């Protein structure tokens, strides 16, 4: 939410209006977000989870230096282990 607010500081602020109107929050630290926050519930994940983050992600800013090939290889290894084709 902080990143979105910075990104939209000169724009239409559509995303921040969504947060305010639909979730009734104007601050990323609002306790109303705790029940739906993935950050607050990561310890409850009980299945293998593959997270991919890239330069074209429009929600979260890109801050990692892994290459596309590394991402594809890691994705394939994950799928072969947890969702094999056979």
PDB file of N, CA and C in Angstrom:
ATOM      1  N   UNK A   1       0.825  -1.191   0.000  1.00  0.00           N
ATOM      2  CA  UNK A   1       0.000   0.000   0.000  1.00  0.00           C
ATOM      3  C   UNK A   1       0.868   1.254   0.000  1.00  0.00           C
ATOM      4  N   UNK A   2       1.992   1.210   0.713  1.00  0.00           N
ATOM      5  CA  UNK A   2       2.908   2.360   0.713  1.00  0.00           C
ATOM      6  C   UNK A   2       3.464   2.587  -0.688  1.00  0.00           C
ATOM      7  N   UNK A   3       3.860   1.492  -1.354  1.00  0.00           N
ATOM      8  CA  UNK A   3       4.418   1.586  -2.695  1.00  0.00           C
ATOM      9  C   UNK A   3       3.390   2.143  -3.664  1.00  0.00           C
ATOM     10  N   UNK A   4       2.159   1.669  -3.576  1.00  0.00           N
ATOM     11  CA  UNK A   4       1.092   2.152  -4.454  1.00  0.00           C
ATOM     12  C   UNK A   4       0.871   3.643  -4.239  1.00  0.00           C
ATOM     13  N   UNK A   5       0.859   4.085  -2.997  1.00  0.00           N
ATOM     14  CA  UNK A   5       0.648   5.500  -2.705  1.00  0.00           C
ATOM     15  C   UNK A   5       1.760   6.354  -3.306  1.00  0.00           C
ATOM     16  N   UNK A   6       3.018   5.896  -3.201  1.00  0.00           N
ATOM     17  CA  UNK A   6       4.141   6.636  -3.799  1.00  0.00           C
ATOM     18  C   UNK A   6       4.020   6.647  -5.317  1.00  0.00           C
ATOM     19  N   UNK A   7       3.677   5.502  -5.889  1.00  0.00           N
ATOM     20  CA  UNK A   7       3.571   5.374  -7.340  1.00  0.00           C
ATOM     21  C   UNK A   7       2.471   6.276  -7.892  1.00  0.00           C
ATOM     22  N   UNK A   8       1.386   6.423  -7.170  1.00  0.00           N
ATOM     23  CA  UNK A   8       0.242   7.189  -7.638  1.00  0.00           C
ATOM     24  C   UNK A   8       0.246   8.643  -7.160  1.00  0.00           C
ATOM     25  N   UNK A   9       1.334   9.089  -6.585  1.00  0.00           N
ATOM     26  CA  UNK A   9       1.330  10.431  -6.011  1.00  0.00           C
ATOM     27  C   UNK A   9       1.013  11.511  -7.034  1.00  0.00           C
ATOM     28  N   UNK A  10       1.246  11.222  -8.329  1.00  0.00           N
ATOM     29  CA  UNK A  10       0.935  12.206  -9.358  1.00  0.00           C
ATOM     30  C   UNK A  10      -0.184  11.748 -10.283  1.00  0.00           C
ATOM     31  N   UNK A  11      -0.787  10.596  -9.997  1.00  0.00           N
ATOM     32  CA  UNK A  11      -1.789  10.041 -10.898  1.00  0.00           C
ATOM     33  C   UNK A  11      -3.195  10.140 -10.354  1.00  0.00           C
ATOM     34  N   UNK A  12      -4.056   9.257 -10.853  1.00  0.00           N
ATOM     35  CA  UNK A  12      -5.476   9.272 -10.508  1.00  0.00           C
ATOM     36  C   UNK A  12      -5.752   8.660  -9.141  1.00  0.00           C
ATOM     37  N   UNK A  13      -4.809   7.952  -8.595  1.00  0.00           N
ATOM     38  CA  UNK A  13      -4.928   7.337  -7.265  1.00  0.00           C
ATOM     39  C   UNK A  13      -6.078   6.338  -7.185  1.00  0.00           C
ATOM     40  N   UNK A  14      -6.284   5.582  -8.249  1.00  0.00           N
ATOM     41  CA  UNK A  14      -7.375   4.610  -8.273  1.00  0.00           C
ATOM     42  C   UNK A  14      -7.175   3.491  -7.270  1.00  0.00           C
ATOM     43  N   UNK A  15      -5.946   3.006  -7.146  1.00  0.00           N
ATOM     44  CA  UNK A  15      -5.682   1.900  -6.221  1.00  0.00           C
ATOM     45  C   UNK A  15      -5.875   2.324  -4.774  1.00  0.00           C
ATOM     46  N   UNK A  16      -5.391   3.497  -4.426  1.00  0.00           N
ATOM     47  CA  UNK A  16      -5.560   3.937  -3.043  1.00  0.00           C
ATOM     48  C   UNK A  16      -7.031   4.195  -2.733  1.00  0.00           C
ATOM     49  N   UNK A  17      -7.799   4.657  -3.716  1.00  0.00           N
ATOM     50  CA  UNK A  17      -9.243   4.828  -3.491  1.00  0.00           C
ATOM     51  C   UNK A  17      -9.913   3.481  -3.264  1.00  0.00           C
ATOM     52  N   UNK A  18      -9.434   2.437  -3.978  1.00  0.00           N
ATOM     53  CA  UNK A  18      -9.978   1.089  -3.759  1.00  0.00           C
ATOM     54  C   UNK A  18      -9.766   0.678  -2.308  1.00  0.00           C
ATOM     55  N   UNK A  19      -8.543   0.856  -1.813  1.00  0.00           N
ATOM     56  CA  UNK A  19      -8.239   0.484  -0.424  1.00  0.00           C
ATOM     57  C   UNK A  19      -9.144   1.238   0.545  1.00  0.00           C
ATOM     58  N   UNK A  20      -9.333   2.519   0.294  1.00  0.00           N
ATOM     59  CA  UNK A  20     -10.144   3.336   1.195  1.00  0.00           C
ATOM     60  C   UNK A  20     -11.627   2.973   1.118  1.00  0.00           C
ATOM     61  N   UNK A  21     -12.154   2.808  -0.086  1.00  0.00           N
ATOM     62  CA  UNK A  21     -13.595   2.567  -0.238  1.00  0.00           C
ATOM     63  C   UNK A  21     -13.998   1.129   0.063  1.00  0.00           C
ATOM     64  N   UNK A  22     -13.229   0.177  -0.460  1.00  0.00           N
ATOM     65  CA  UNK A  22     -13.637  -1.229  -0.322  1.00  0.00           C
ATOM     66  C   UNK A  22     -13.177  -1.869   0.987  1.00  0.00           C
ATOM     67  N   UNK A  23     -12.039  -1.459   1.491  1.00  0.00           N
ATOM     68  CA  UNK A  23     -11.515  -2.066   2.713  1.00  0.00           C
ATOM     69  C   UNK A  23     -11.580  -1.127   3.910  1.00  0.00           C
ATOM     70  N   UNK A  24     -11.948   0.127   3.661  1.00  0.00           N
ATOM     71  CA  UNK A  24     -12.077   1.124   4.722  1.00  0.00           C
ATOM     72  C   UNK A  24     -10.765   1.341   5.471  1.00  0.00           C
ATOM     73  N   UNK A  25      -9.660   1.353   4.714  1.00  0.00           N
ATOM     74  CA  UNK A  25      -8.358   1.634   5.317  1.00  0.00           C
ATOM     75  C   UNK A  25      -7.633   2.676   4.469  1.00  0.00           C
ATOM     76  N   UNK A  26      -6.891   3.530   5.118  1.00  0.00           N
ATOM     77  CA  UNK A  26      -6.125   4.552   4.414  1.00  0.00           C
ATOM     78  C   UNK A  26      -4.645   4.460   4.739  1.00  0.00           C
ATOM     79  N   UNK A  27      -4.293   3.519   5.611  1.00  0.00           N
ATOM     80  CA  UNK A  27      -2.912   3.392   6.059  1.00  0.00           C
ATOM     81  C   UNK A  27      -2.511   1.926   6.032  1.00  0.00           C
ATOM     82  N   UNK A  28      -1.311   1.602   5.527  1.00  0.00           N
ATOM     83  CA  UNK A  28      -0.900   0.196   5.465  1.00  0.00           C
ATOM     84  C   UNK A  28      -0.736  -0.452   6.828  1.00  0.00           C
ATOM     85  N   UNK A  29      -0.647   0.328   7.891  1.00  0.00           N
ATOM     86  CA  UNK A  29      -0.509  -0.229   9.232  1.00  0.00           C
ATOM     87  C   UNK A  29      -1.834  -0.461   9.937  1.00  0.00           C
ATOM     88  N   UNK A  30      -2.933  -0.195   9.254  1.00  0.00           N
ATOM     89  CA  UNK A  30      -4.261  -0.347   9.855  1.00  0.00           C
ATOM     90  C   UNK A  30      -4.494  -1.800  10.261  1.00  0.00           C
ATOM     91  N   UNK A  31      -4.912  -2.027  11.485  1.00  0.00           N
ATOM     92  CA  UNK A  31      -5.145  -3.377  12.022  1.00  0.00           C
ATOM     93  C   UNK A  31      -6.289  -4.103  11.314  1.00  0.00           C
ATOM     94  N   UNK A  32      -7.137  -3.372  10.592  1.00  0.00           N
ATOM     95  CA  UNK A  32      -8.220  -4.011   9.846  1.00  0.00           C
ATOM     96  C   UNK A  32      -7.673  -4.940   8.756  1.00  0.00           C
ATOM     97  N   UNK A  33      -6.439  -4.712   8.339  1.00  0.00           N
ATOM     98  CA  UNK A  33      -5.840  -5.533   7.295  1.00  0.00           C
ATOM     99  C   UNK A  33      -5.275  -6.852   7.822  1.00  0.00           C
ATOM    100  N   UNK A  34      -5.054  -6.957   9.116  1.00  0.00           N
ATOM    101  CA  UNK A  34      -4.438  -8.161   9.687  1.00  0.00           C
ATOM    102  C   UNK A  34      -5.141  -9.472   9.307  1.00  0.00           C
ATOM    103  N   UNK A  35      -6.464  -9.551   9.338  1.00  0.00           N
ATOM    104  CA  UNK A  35      -7.119 -10.825   9.007  1.00  0.00           C
ATOM    105  C   UNK A  35      -6.918 -11.280   7.564  1.00  0.00           C
ATOM    106  N   UNK A  36      -6.607 -10.368   6.639  1.00  0.00           N
ATOM    107  CA  UNK A  36      -6.425 -10.755   5.234  1.00  0.00           C
ATOM    108  C   UNK A  36      -4.998 -10.581   4.744  1.00  0.00           C
ATOM    109  N   UNK A  37      -4.093 -10.220   5.629  1.00  0.00           N
ATOM    110  CA  UNK A  37      -2.708  -9.966   5.237  1.00  0.00           C
ATOM    111  C   UNK A  37      -1.923 -11.262   5.059  1.00  0.00           C
ATOM    112  N   UNK A  38      -1.414 -11.520   3.835  1.00  0.00           N
ATOM    113  CA  UNK A  38      -0.574 -12.707   3.639  1.00  0.00           C
ATOM    114  C   UNK A  38       0.652 -12.694   4.555  1.00  0.00           C
ATOM    115  N   UNK A  39       1.180 -11.511   4.818  1.00  0.00           N
ATOM    116  CA  UNK A  39       2.348 -11.387   5.688  1.00  0.00           C
ATOM    117  C   UNK A  39       2.054 -11.907   7.093  1.00  0.00           C
ATOM    118  N   UNK A  40       0.853 -11.655   7.574  1.00  0.00           N
ATOM    119  CA  UNK A  40       0.475 -12.072   8.931  1.00  0.00           C
ATOM    120  C   UNK A  40       0.142 -13.559   9.020  1.00  0.00           C
ATOM    121  N   UNK A  41      -0.041 -14.222   7.867  1.00  0.00           N
ATOM    122  CA  UNK A  41      -0.475 -15.620   7.877  1.00  0.00           C
ATOM    123  C   UNK A  41       0.470 -16.561   7.133  1.00  0.00           C
ATOM    124  N   UNK A  42       1.649 -16.111   6.810  1.00  0.00           N
ATOM    125  CA  UNK A  42       2.602 -16.949   6.068  1.00  0.00           C
ATOM    126  C   UNK A  42       2.947 -18.225   6.831  1.00  0.00           C
ATOM    127  N   UNK A  43       2.917 -18.180   8.130  1.00  0.00           N
ATOM    128  CA  UNK A  43       3.249 -19.363   8.942  1.00  0.00           C
ATOM    129  C   UNK A  43       2.182 -20.451   8.847  1.00  0.00           C
ATOM    130  N   UNK A  44       1.035 -20.143   8.249  1.00  0.00           N
ATOM    131  CA  UNK A  44      -0.043 -21.124   8.134  1.00  0.00           C
ATOM    132  C   UNK A  44      -0.019 -21.894   6.812  1.00  0.00           C
ATOM    133  N   UNK A  45       0.915 -21.569   5.947  1.00  0.00           N
ATOM    134  CA  UNK A  45       1.014 -22.275   4.668  1.00  0.00           C
ATOM    135  C   UNK A  45       1.475 -23.700   4.941  1.00  0.00           C
ATOM    136  N   UNK A  46       0.736 -24.667   4.423  1.00  0.00           N
ATOM    137  CA  UNK A  46       1.052 -26.074   4.692  1.00  0.00           C
ATOM    138  C   UNK A  46       1.359 -26.860   3.427  1.00  0.00           C
ATOM    139  N   UNK A  47       1.389 -26.199   2.290  1.00  0.00           N
ATOM    140  CA  UNK A  47       1.678 -26.860   1.017  1.00  0.00           C
ATOM    141  C   UNK A  47       2.864 -26.159   0.361  1.00  0.00           C
ATOM    142  N   UNK A  48       3.538 -26.838  -0.566  1.00  0.00           N
ATOM    143  CA  UNK A  48       4.629 -26.167  -1.286  1.00  0.00           C
ATOM    144  C   UNK A  48       4.091 -24.926  -2.009  1.00  0.00           C
ATOM    145  N   UNK A  49       4.853 -23.863  -1.968  1.00  0.00           N
ATOM    146  CA  UNK A  49       4.423 -22.604  -2.557  1.00  0.00           C
ATOM    147  C   UNK A  49       5.549 -22.035  -3.402  1.00  0.00           C
ATOM    148  N   UNK A  50       5.265 -21.722  -4.645  1.00  0.00           N
ATOM    149  CA  UNK A  50       6.249 -21.126  -5.543  1.00  0.00           C
ATOM    150  C   UNK A  50       5.918 -19.655  -5.704  1.00  0.00           C
ATOM    151  N   UNK A  51       6.860 -18.791  -5.363  1.00  0.00           N
ATOM    152  CA  UNK A  51       6.684 -17.352  -5.521  1.00  0.00           C
ATOM    153  C   UNK A  51       7.615 -16.870  -6.619  1.00  0.00           C
ATOM    154  N   UNK A  52       7.072 -16.119  -7.560  1.00  0.00           N
ATOM    155  CA  UNK A  52       7.868 -15.572  -8.660  1.00  0.00           C
ATOM    156  C   UNK A  52       7.638 -14.068  -8.690  1.00  0.00           C
ATOM    157  N   UNK A  53       8.719 -13.332  -8.886  1.00  0.00           N
ATOM    158  CA  UNK A  53       8.639 -11.881  -8.902  1.00  0.00           C
ATOM    159  C   UNK A  53       9.504 -11.387 -10.048  1.00  0.00           C
ATOM    160  N   UNK A  54       8.977 -10.515 -10.875  1.00  0.00           N
ATOM    161  CA  UNK A  54       9.747 -10.052 -12.020  1.00  0.00           C
ATOM    162  C   UNK A  54       9.599  -8.571 -12.284  1.00  0.00           C
ATOM    163  N   UNK A  55      10.326  -8.112 -13.283  1.00  0.00           N
ATOM    164  CA  UNK A  55      10.349  -6.685 -13.622  1.00  0.00           C
ATOM    165  C   UNK A  55       8.994  -6.153 -14.076  1.00  0.00           C
ATOM    166  N   UNK A  56       8.154  -6.998 -14.637  1.00  0.00           N
ATOM    167  CA  UNK A  56       6.863  -6.552 -15.145  1.00  0.00           C
ATOM    168  C   UNK A  56       5.760  -6.590 -14.092  1.00  0.00           C
ATOM    169  N   UNK A  57       6.089  -6.908 -12.858  1.00  0.00           N
ATOM    170  CA  UNK A  57       5.105  -6.951 -11.777  1.00  0.00           C
ATOM    171  C   UNK A  57       4.610  -5.529 -11.529  1.00  0.00           C
ATOM    172  N   UNK A  58       3.324  -5.297 -11.705  1.00  0.00           N
ATOM    173  CA  UNK A  58       2.776  -3.947 -11.532  1.00  0.00           C
ATOM    174  C   UNK A  58       2.300  -3.687 -10.103  1.00  0.00           C
ATOM    175  N   UNK A  59       2.367  -4.687  -9.235  1.00  0.00           N
ATOM    176  CA  UNK A  59       1.883  -4.528  -7.872  1.00  0.00           C
ATOM    177  C   UNK A  59       3.013  -4.298  -6.879  1.00  0.00           C
ATOM    178  N   UNK A  60       4.104  -5.027  -7.056  1.00  0.00           N
ATOM    179  CA  UNK A  60       5.227  -4.950  -6.126  1.00  0.00           C
ATOM    180  C   UNK A  60       6.475  -4.541  -6.906  1.00  0.00           C
ATOM    181  N   UNK A  61       7.232  -3.565  -6.422  1.00  0.00           N
ATOM    182  CA  UNK A  61       8.405  -3.114  -7.164  1.00  0.00           C
ATOM    183  C   UNK A  61       9.478  -4.193  -7.274  1.00  0.00           C
ATOM    184  N   UNK A  62      10.152  -4.242  -8.414  1.00  0.00           N
ATOM    185  CA  UNK A  62      11.202  -5.222  -8.671  1.00  0.00           C
ATOM    186  C   UNK A  62      12.467  -4.794  -7.946  1.00  0.00           C
ATOM    187  N   UNK A  63      13.003  -5.664  -7.110  1.00  0.00           N
ATOM    188  CA  UNK A  63      14.231  -5.342  -6.374  1.00  0.00           C
ATOM    189  C   UNK A  63      15.191  -6.522  -6.348  1.00  0.00           C
ATOM    190  N   UNK A  64      14.981  -7.544  -7.190  1.00  0.00           N
ATOM    191  CA  UNK A  64      15.844  -8.718  -7.173  1.00  0.00           C
ATOM    192  C   UNK A  64      16.619  -8.809  -8.454  1.00  0.00           C
ATOM    193  N   UNK A  65      17.758  -9.511  -8.444  1.00  0.00           N
ATOM    194  CA  UNK A  65      18.616  -9.570  -9.621  1.00  0.00           C
ATOM    195  C   UNK A  65      18.662 -10.946 -10.276  1.00  0.00           C
ATOM    196  N   UNK A  66      17.780 -11.856  -9.906  1.00  0.00           N
ATOM    197  CA  UNK A  66      17.769 -13.189 -10.520  1.00  0.00           C
ATOM    198  C   UNK A  66      17.407 -13.065 -11.993  1.00  0.00           C
ATOM    199  N   UNK A  67      18.001 -13.927 -12.820  1.00  0.00           N
ATOM    200  CA  UNK A  67      17.733 -13.856 -14.251  1.00  0.00           C
ATOM    201  C   UNK A  67      16.500 -14.658 -14.618  1.00  0.00           C
ATOM    202  N   UNK A  68      15.998 -14.407 -15.810  1.00  0.00           N
ATOM    203  CA  UNK A  68      14.819 -15.133 -16.291  1.00  0.00           C
ATOM    204  C   UNK A  68      15.100 -16.628 -16.386  1.00  0.00           C
ATOM    205  N   UNK A  69      16.286 -17.011 -16.837  1.00  0.00           N
ATOM    206  CA  UNK A  69      16.638 -18.428 -16.946  1.00  0.00           C
ATOM    207  C   UNK A  69      16.602 -19.100 -15.576  1.00  0.00           C
ATOM    208  N   UNK A  70      17.136 -18.451 -14.575  1.00  0.00           N
ATOM    209  CA  UNK A  70      17.103 -19.006 -13.217  1.00  0.00           C
ATOM    210  C   UNK A  70      15.664 -19.188 -12.748  1.00  0.00           C
ATOM    211  N   UNK A  71      14.806 -18.225 -13.056  1.00  0.00           N
ATOM    212  CA  UNK A  71      13.406 -18.317 -12.669  1.00  0.00           C
ATOM    213  C   UNK A  71      12.742 -19.500 -13.358  1.00  0.00           C
ATOM    214  N   UNK A  72      12.999 -19.654 -14.656  1.00  0.00           N
ATOM    215  CA  UNK A  72      12.383 -20.753 -15.391  1.00  0.00           C
ATOM    216  C   UNK A  72      12.888 -22.107 -14.889  1.00  0.00           C
ATOM    217  N   UNK A  73      14.171 -22.211 -14.613  1.00  0.00           N
ATOM    218  CA  UNK A  73      14.724 -23.465 -14.096  1.00  0.00           C
ATOM    219  C   UNK A  73      14.145 -23.795 -12.720  1.00  0.00           C
ATOM    220  N   UNK A  74      14.034 -22.805 -11.869  1.00  0.00           N
ATOM    221  CA  UNK A  74      13.463 -23.028 -10.537  1.00  0.00           C
ATOM    222  C   UNK A  74      11.988 -23.409 -10.641  1.00  0.00           C
ATOM    223  N   UNK A  75      11.267 -22.777 -11.558  1.00  0.00           N
ATOM    224  CA  UNK A  75       9.852 -23.106 -11.758  1.00  0.00           C
ATOM    225  C   UNK A  75       9.688 -24.542 -12.227  1.00  0.00           C
ATOM    226  N   UNK A  76      10.519 -24.950 -13.177  1.00  0.00           N
ATOM    227  CA  UNK A  76      10.449 -26.319 -13.689  1.00  0.00           C
ATOM    228  C   UNK A  76      10.782 -27.328 -12.591  1.00  0.00           C
ATOM    229  N   UNK A  77      11.817 -27.056 -11.812  1.00  0.00           N
ATOM    230  CA  UNK A  77      12.194 -27.968 -10.730  1.00  0.00           C
ATOM    231  C   UNK A  77      11.051 -28.095  -9.714  1.00  0.00           C
ATOM    232  N   UNK A  78      10.419 -26.981  -9.395  1.00  0.00           N
ATOM    233  CA  UNK A  78       9.291 -26.987  -8.456  1.00  0.00           C
ATOM    234  C   UNK A  78       8.142 -27.821  -9.006  1.00  0.00           C
ATOM    235  N   UNK A  79       7.782 -27.577 -10.247  1.00  0.00           N
ATOM    236  CA  UNK A  79       6.671 -28.318 -10.856  1.00  0.00           C
ATOM    237  C   UNK A  79       6.983 -29.801 -11.005  1.00  0.00           C
ATOM    238  N   UNK A  80       8.206 -30.137 -11.379  1.00  0.00           N
ATOM    239  CA  UNK A  80       8.571 -31.548 -11.498  1.00  0.00           C
ATOM    240  C   UNK A  80       8.508 -32.258 -10.156  1.00  0.00           C
ATOM    241  N   UNK A  81       8.846 -31.550  -9.088  1.00  0.00           N
ATOM    242  CA  UNK A  81       8.831 -32.158  -7.757  1.00  0.00           C
ATOM    243  C   UNK A  81       7.408 -32.265  -7.201  1.00  0.00           C
ATOM    244  N   UNK A  82       6.621 -31.181  -7.308  1.00  0.00           N
ATOM    245  CA  UNK A  82       5.332 -31.148  -6.628  1.00  0.00           C
ATOM    246  C   UNK A  82       4.128 -31.393  -7.545  1.00  0.00           C
ATOM    247  N   UNK A  83       4.333 -31.361  -8.846  1.00  0.00           N
ATOM    248  CA  UNK A  83       3.246 -31.602  -9.778  1.00  0.00           C
ATOM    249  C   UNK A  83       3.799 -32.293 -11.030  1.00  0.00           C
ATOM    250  N   UNK A  84       4.355 -33.513 -10.845  1.00  0.00           N
ATOM    251  CA  UNK A  84       4.997 -34.195 -11.970  1.00  0.00           C
ATOM    252  C   UNK A  84       3.998 -34.527 -13.065  1.00  0.00           C
ATOM    253  N   UNK A  85       4.483 -34.615 -14.327  1.00  0.00           N
ATOM    254  CA  UNK A  85       3.584 -34.860 -15.447  1.00  0.00           C
ATOM    255  C   UNK A  85       3.012 -36.272 -15.471  1.00  0.00           C
ATOM    256  N   UNK A  86       3.634 -37.228 -14.790  1.00  0.00           N
ATOM    257  CA  UNK A  86       3.175 -38.626 -14.825  1.00  0.00           C
ATOM    258  C   UNK A  86       2.144 -38.902 -13.757  1.00  0.00           C
TER     259      UNK A  86
END
